[in-house]
């Protein structure tokens, strides 16, 4: 049986996934803009995000990143 997950929940899960991966990359001394782009692509595919939701995720990450 297929479980239906709301789009907003998928974005939250993708956001948590990216934050976790960024933290581990920071500890390893890796990162940068290219890494963020790769993570957004990976999260979009992993969580089956629509292009609009992927853009929303990128916006949220940029906004949070700007506040830190």
PDB file of N, CA and C in Angstrom:
ATOM      1  N   UNK A   1       0.837  -1.170   0.000  1.00  0.00           N
ATOM      2  CA  UNK A   1       0.000   0.000   0.000  1.00  0.00           C
ATOM      3  C   UNK A   1       0.892   1.246   0.000  1.00  0.00           C
ATOM      4  N   UNK A   2       0.559   2.196  -0.802  1.00  0.00           N
ATOM      5  CA  UNK A   2       1.332   3.419  -0.918  1.00  0.00           C
ATOM      6  C   UNK A   2       0.908   4.424   0.147  1.00  0.00           C
ATOM      7  N   UNK A   3       1.893   5.067   0.733  1.00  0.00           N
ATOM      8  CA  UNK A   3       1.624   6.107   1.716  1.00  0.00           C
ATOM      9  C   UNK A   3       1.744   7.458   1.041  1.00  0.00           C
ATOM     10  N   UNK A   4       0.752   8.277   1.215  1.00  0.00           N
ATOM     11  CA  UNK A   4       0.776   9.620   0.637  1.00  0.00           C
ATOM     12  C   UNK A   4       1.307  10.581   1.683  1.00  0.00           C
ATOM     13  N   UNK A   5       2.316  11.361   1.272  1.00  0.00           N
ATOM     14  CA  UNK A   5       2.931  12.330   2.160  1.00  0.00           C
ATOM     15  C   UNK A   5       2.679  13.717   1.582  1.00  0.00           C
ATOM     16  N   UNK A   6       2.294  14.636   2.411  1.00  0.00           N
ATOM     17  CA  UNK A   6       2.050  16.005   1.950  1.00  0.00           C
ATOM     18  C   UNK A   6       3.341  16.613   1.424  1.00  0.00           C
ATOM     19  N   UNK A   7       3.211  17.489   0.429  1.00  0.00           N
ATOM     20  CA  UNK A   7       4.369  18.141  -0.180  1.00  0.00           C
ATOM     21  C   UNK A   7       5.198  18.897   0.853  1.00  0.00           C
ATOM     22  N   UNK A   8       4.545  19.578   1.782  1.00  0.00           N
ATOM     23  CA  UNK A   8       5.280  20.343   2.789  1.00  0.00           C
ATOM     24  C   UNK A   8       6.136  19.441   3.667  1.00  0.00           C
ATOM     25  N   UNK A   9       5.635  18.254   3.944  1.00  0.00           N
ATOM     26  CA  UNK A   9       6.405  17.302   4.748  1.00  0.00           C
ATOM     27  C   UNK A   9       7.634  16.841   3.970  1.00  0.00           C
ATOM     28  N   UNK A  10       7.495  16.667   2.675  1.00  0.00           N
ATOM     29  CA  UNK A  10       8.637  16.279   1.850  1.00  0.00           C
ATOM     30  C   UNK A  10       9.708  17.366   1.863  1.00  0.00           C
ATOM     31  N   UNK A  11       9.285  18.614   1.814  1.00  0.00           N
ATOM     32  CA  UNK A  11      10.242  19.726   1.863  1.00  0.00           C
ATOM     33  C   UNK A  11      10.944  19.748   3.214  1.00  0.00           C
ATOM     34  N   UNK A  12      10.206  19.506   4.290  1.00  0.00           N
ATOM     35  CA  UNK A  12      10.814  19.467   5.628  1.00  0.00           C
ATOM     36  C   UNK A  12      11.848  18.346   5.726  1.00  0.00           C
ATOM     37  N   UNK A  13      11.499  17.188   5.205  1.00  0.00           N
ATOM     38  CA  UNK A  13      12.436  16.066   5.228  1.00  0.00           C
ATOM     39  C   UNK A  13      13.670  16.354   4.381  1.00  0.00           C
ATOM     40  N   UNK A  14      13.463  16.956   3.222  1.00  0.00           N
ATOM     41  CA  UNK A  14      14.586  17.298   2.352  1.00  0.00           C
ATOM     42  C   UNK A  14      15.479  18.337   3.025  1.00  0.00           C
ATOM     43  N   UNK A  15      14.867  19.306   3.693  1.00  0.00           N
ATOM     44  CA  UNK A  15      15.616  20.334   4.411  1.00  0.00           C
ATOM     45  C   UNK A  15      16.477  19.698   5.504  1.00  0.00           C
ATOM     46  N   UNK A  16      15.887  18.802   6.269  1.00  0.00           N
ATOM     47  CA  UNK A  16      16.631  18.121   7.338  1.00  0.00           C
ATOM     48  C   UNK A  16      17.766  17.287   6.752  1.00  0.00           C
ATOM     49  N   UNK A  17      17.505  16.620   5.645  1.00  0.00           N
ATOM     50  CA  UNK A  17      18.522  15.818   4.970  1.00  0.00           C
ATOM     51  C   UNK A  17      19.704  16.699   4.556  1.00  0.00           C
ATOM     52  N   UNK A  18      19.415  17.846   3.943  1.00  0.00           N
ATOM     53  CA  UNK A  18      20.482  18.738   3.483  1.00  0.00           C
ATOM     54  C   UNK A  18      21.251  19.311   4.665  1.00  0.00           C
ATOM     55  N   UNK A  19      20.555  19.723   5.714  1.00  0.00           N
ATOM     56  CA  UNK A  19      21.257  20.245   6.890  1.00  0.00           C
ATOM     57  C   UNK A  19      22.206  19.208   7.480  1.00  0.00           C
ATOM     58  N   UNK A  20      21.745  17.970   7.552  1.00  0.00           N
ATOM     59  CA  UNK A  20      22.580  16.898   8.092  1.00  0.00           C
ATOM     60  C   UNK A  20      23.809  16.673   7.205  1.00  0.00           C
ATOM     61  N   UNK A  21      23.599  16.641   5.909  1.00  0.00           N
ATOM     62  CA  UNK A  21      24.713  16.427   4.986  1.00  0.00           C
ATOM     63  C   UNK A  21      25.685  17.606   5.016  1.00  0.00           C
ATOM     64  N   UNK A  22      25.175  18.836   5.122  1.00  0.00           N
ATOM     65  CA  UNK A  22      26.050  20.010   5.190  1.00  0.00           C
ATOM     66  C   UNK A  22      26.912  19.972   6.445  1.00  0.00           C
ATOM     67  N   UNK A  23      26.321  19.563   7.547  1.00  0.00           N
ATOM     68  CA  UNK A  23      27.070  19.481   8.805  1.00  0.00           C
ATOM     69  C   UNK A  23      28.200  18.459   8.687  1.00  0.00           C
ATOM     70  N   UNK A  24      27.907  17.309   8.108  1.00  0.00           N
ATOM     71  CA  UNK A  24      28.957  16.294   7.958  1.00  0.00           C
ATOM     72  C   UNK A  24      30.025  16.755   6.974  1.00  0.00           C
ATOM     73  N   UNK A  25      29.627  17.484   5.927  1.00  0.00           N
ATOM     74  CA  UNK A  25      30.604  18.003   4.961  1.00  0.00           C
ATOM     75  C   UNK A  25      31.486  19.070   5.615  1.00  0.00           C
ATOM     76  N   UNK A  26      30.888  19.890   6.483  1.00  0.00           N
ATOM     77  CA  UNK A  26      31.642  20.929   7.174  1.00  0.00           C
ATOM     78  C   UNK A  26      32.700  20.296   8.070  1.00  0.00           C
ATOM     79  N   UNK A  27      32.339  19.219   8.755  1.00  0.00           N
ATOM     80  CA  UNK A  27      33.282  18.532   9.631  1.00  0.00           C
ATOM     81  C   UNK A  27      34.420  17.898   8.842  1.00  0.00           C
ATOM     82  N   UNK A  28      34.128  17.503   7.592  1.00  0.00           N
ATOM     83  CA  UNK A  28      35.149  16.905   6.738  1.00  0.00           C
ATOM     84  C   UNK A  28      35.967  17.961   5.997  1.00  0.00           C
ATOM     85  N   UNK A  29      35.568  19.224   6.110  1.00  0.00           N
ATOM     86  CA  UNK A  29      36.286  20.298   5.441  1.00  0.00           C
ATOM     87  C   UNK A  29      35.891  20.480   3.985  1.00  0.00           C
ATOM     88  N   UNK A  30      34.738  19.949   3.603  1.00  0.00           N
ATOM     89  CA  UNK A  30      34.242  20.114   2.237  1.00  0.00           C
ATOM     90  C   UNK A  30      33.058  21.070   2.265  1.00  0.00           C
ATOM     91  N   UNK A  31      32.655  21.519   1.100  1.00  0.00           N
ATOM     92  CA  UNK A  31      31.494  22.392   1.036  1.00  0.00           C
ATOM     93  C   UNK A  31      31.577  23.305  -0.153  1.00  0.00           C
ATOM     94  N   UNK A  32      30.841  24.402  -0.092  1.00  0.00           N
ATOM     95  CA  UNK A  32      30.853  25.375  -1.165  1.00  0.00           C
ATOM     96  C   UNK A  32      29.548  25.385  -1.941  1.00  0.00           C
ATOM     97  N   UNK A  33      29.494  26.302  -2.901  1.00  0.00           N
ATOM     98  CA  UNK A  33      28.284  26.497  -3.683  1.00  0.00           C
ATOM     99  C   UNK A  33      27.964  25.278  -4.551  1.00  0.00           C
ATOM    100  N   UNK A  34      28.995  24.658  -5.125  1.00  0.00           N
ATOM    101  CA  UNK A  34      28.775  23.472  -5.958  1.00  0.00           C
ATOM    102  C   UNK A  34      28.206  22.334  -5.127  1.00  0.00           C
ATOM    103  N   UNK A  35      28.683  22.184  -3.906  1.00  0.00           N
ATOM    104  CA  UNK A  35      28.177  21.136  -3.025  1.00  0.00           C
ATOM    105  C   UNK A  35      26.704  21.368  -2.708  1.00  0.00           C
ATOM    106  N   UNK A  36      26.316  22.610  -2.499  1.00  0.00           N
ATOM    107  CA  UNK A  36      24.918  22.930  -2.210  1.00  0.00           C
ATOM    108  C   UNK A  36      24.039  22.581  -3.397  1.00  0.00           C
ATOM    109  N   UNK A  37      24.502  22.897  -4.587  1.00  0.00           N
ATOM    110  CA  UNK A  37      23.749  22.574  -5.793  1.00  0.00           C
ATOM    111  C   UNK A  37      23.566  21.069  -5.932  1.00  0.00           C
ATOM    112  N   UNK A  38      24.623  20.320  -5.675  1.00  0.00           N
ATOM    113  CA  UNK A  38      24.544  18.859  -5.739  1.00  0.00           C
ATOM    114  C   UNK A  38      23.579  18.316  -4.689  1.00  0.00           C
ATOM    115  N   UNK A  39      23.616  18.895  -3.491  1.00  0.00           N
ATOM    116  CA  UNK A  39      22.718  18.452  -2.427  1.00  0.00           C
ATOM    117  C   UNK A  39      21.258  18.755  -2.760  1.00  0.00           C
ATOM    118  N   UNK A  40      21.008  19.907  -3.365  1.00  0.00           N
ATOM    119  CA  UNK A  40      19.642  20.247  -3.769  1.00  0.00           C
ATOM    120  C   UNK A  40      19.138  19.270  -4.824  1.00  0.00           C
ATOM    121  N   UNK A  41      19.998  18.922  -5.777  1.00  0.00           N
ATOM    122  CA  UNK A  41      19.617  17.950  -6.800  1.00  0.00           C
ATOM    123  C   UNK A  41      19.341  16.591  -6.181  1.00  0.00           C
ATOM    124  N   UNK A  42      20.216  16.171  -5.276  1.00  0.00           N
ATOM    125  CA  UNK A  42      20.048  14.873  -4.630  1.00  0.00           C
ATOM    126  C   UNK A  42      18.771  14.831  -3.788  1.00  0.00           C
ATOM    127  N   UNK A  43      18.520  15.890  -3.037  1.00  0.00           N
ATOM    128  CA  UNK A  43      17.318  15.943  -2.199  1.00  0.00           C
ATOM    129  C   UNK A  43      16.060  15.959  -3.065  1.00  0.00           C
ATOM    130  N   UNK A  44      16.103  16.688  -4.171  1.00  0.00           N
ATOM    131  CA  UNK A  44      14.954  16.730  -5.072  1.00  0.00           C
ATOM    132  C   UNK A  44      14.608  15.362  -5.612  1.00  0.00           C
ATOM    133  N   UNK A  45      15.636  14.604  -5.975  1.00  0.00           N
ATOM    134  CA  UNK A  45      15.410  13.259  -6.500  1.00  0.00           C
ATOM    135  C   UNK A  45      14.995  12.296  -5.383  1.00  0.00           C
ATOM    136  N   UNK A  46      15.675  12.378  -4.258  1.00  0.00           N
ATOM    137  CA  UNK A  46      15.412  11.451  -3.149  1.00  0.00           C
ATOM    138  C   UNK A  46      13.999  11.614  -2.584  1.00  0.00           C
ATOM    139  N   UNK A  47      13.536  12.856  -2.486  1.00  0.00           N
ATOM    140  CA  UNK A  47      12.237  13.127  -1.883  1.00  0.00           C
ATOM    141  C   UNK A  47      11.157  13.440  -2.918  1.00  0.00           C
ATOM    142  N   UNK A  48      11.493  13.230  -4.195  1.00  0.00           N
ATOM    143  CA  UNK A  48      10.543  13.395  -5.296  1.00  0.00           C
ATOM    144  C   UNK A  48       9.873  14.774  -5.275  1.00  0.00           C
ATOM    145  N   UNK A  49      10.696  15.810  -5.166  1.00  0.00           N
ATOM    146  CA  UNK A  49      10.177  17.174  -5.104  1.00  0.00           C
ATOM    147  C   UNK A  49       9.894  17.700  -6.508  1.00  0.00           C
ATOM    148  N   UNK A  50       8.817  18.433  -6.629  1.00  0.00           N
ATOM    149  CA  UNK A  50       8.512  19.096  -7.887  1.00  0.00           C
ATOM    150  C   UNK A  50       9.506  20.247  -8.070  1.00  0.00           C
ATOM    151  N   UNK A  51       9.648  20.763  -9.294  1.00  0.00           N
ATOM    152  CA  UNK A  51      10.553  21.906  -9.485  1.00  0.00           C
ATOM    153  C   UNK A  51      10.199  23.102  -8.593  1.00  0.00           C
ATOM    154  N   UNK A  52       8.911  23.338  -8.409  1.00  0.00           N
ATOM    155  CA  UNK A  52       8.490  24.459  -7.550  1.00  0.00           C
ATOM    156  C   UNK A  52       8.910  24.215  -6.097  1.00  0.00           C
ATOM    157  N   UNK A  53       8.774  22.991  -5.614  1.00  0.00           N
ATOM    158  CA  UNK A  53       9.166  22.684  -4.243  1.00  0.00           C
ATOM    159  C   UNK A  53      10.682  22.717  -4.089  1.00  0.00           C
ATOM    160  N   UNK A  54      11.391  22.313  -5.128  1.00  0.00           N
ATOM    161  CA  UNK A  54      12.855  22.391  -5.089  1.00  0.00           C
ATOM    162  C   UNK A  54      13.314  23.842  -4.990  1.00  0.00           C
ATOM    163  N   UNK A  55      12.636  24.732  -5.723  1.00  0.00           N
ATOM    164  CA  UNK A  55      12.956  26.157  -5.630  1.00  0.00           C
ATOM    165  C   UNK A  55      12.643  26.689  -4.237  1.00  0.00           C
ATOM    166  N   UNK A  56      11.546  26.256  -3.673  1.00  0.00           N
ATOM    167  CA  UNK A  56      11.168  26.677  -2.311  1.00  0.00           C
ATOM    168  C   UNK A  56      12.224  26.224  -1.308  1.00  0.00           C
ATOM    169  N   UNK A  57      12.694  24.996  -1.471  1.00  0.00           N
ATOM    170  CA  UNK A  57      13.736  24.470  -0.595  1.00  0.00           C
ATOM    171  C   UNK A  57      15.011  25.302  -0.730  1.00  0.00           C
ATOM    172  N   UNK A  58      15.398  25.618  -1.955  1.00  0.00           N
ATOM    173  CA  UNK A  58      16.592  26.436  -2.182  1.00  0.00           C
ATOM    174  C   UNK A  58      16.429  27.816  -1.539  1.00  0.00           C
ATOM    175  N   UNK A  59      15.227  28.399  -1.654  1.00  0.00           N
ATOM    176  CA  UNK A  59      14.950  29.696  -1.042  1.00  0.00           C
ATOM    177  C   UNK A  59      15.091  29.618   0.475  1.00  0.00           C
ATOM    178  N   UNK A  60      14.519  28.580   1.071  1.00  0.00           N
ATOM    179  CA  UNK A  60      14.602  28.416   2.528  1.00  0.00           C
ATOM    180  C   UNK A  60      16.045  28.252   2.986  1.00  0.00           C
ATOM    181  N   UNK A  61      16.811  27.461   2.257  1.00  0.00           N
ATOM    182  CA  UNK A  61      18.217  27.249   2.623  1.00  0.00           C
ATOM    183  C   UNK A  61      19.013  28.545   2.504  1.00  0.00           C
ATOM    184  N   UNK A  62      18.755  29.318   1.452  1.00  0.00           N
ATOM    185  CA  UNK A  62      19.442  30.595   1.276  1.00  0.00           C
ATOM    186  C   UNK A  62      19.067  31.567   2.388  1.00  0.00           C
ATOM    187  N   UNK A  63      17.802  31.579   2.745  1.00  0.00           N
ATOM    188  CA  UNK A  63      17.339  32.482   3.804  1.00  0.00           C
ATOM    189  C   UNK A  63      17.944  32.112   5.154  1.00  0.00           C
ATOM    190  N   UNK A  64      17.935  30.832   5.467  1.00  0.00           N
ATOM    191  CA  UNK A  64      18.519  30.370   6.725  1.00  0.00           C
ATOM    192  C   UNK A  64      20.011  30.609   6.728  1.00  0.00           C
ATOM    193  N   UNK A  65      20.660  30.341   5.609  1.00  0.00           N
ATOM    194  CA  UNK A  65      22.105  30.539   5.494  1.00  0.00           C
ATOM    195  C   UNK A  65      22.494  31.994   5.639  1.00  0.00           C
ATOM    196  N   UNK A  66      21.637  32.896   5.179  1.00  0.00           N
ATOM    197  CA  UNK A  66      21.903  34.329   5.295  1.00  0.00           C
ATOM    198  C   UNK A  66      21.783  34.836   6.726  1.00  0.00           C
ATOM    199  N   UNK A  67      20.988  34.141   7.518  1.00  0.00           N
ATOM    200  CA  UNK A  67      20.787  34.555   8.911  1.00  0.00           C
ATOM    201  C   UNK A  67      21.919  34.114   9.810  1.00  0.00           C
ATOM    202  N   UNK A  68      22.663  33.099   9.396  1.00  0.00           N
ATOM    203  CA  UNK A  68      23.748  32.567  10.251  1.00  0.00           C
ATOM    204  C   UNK A  68      24.987  33.399  10.152  1.00  0.00           C
TER     205      UNK A  68
END
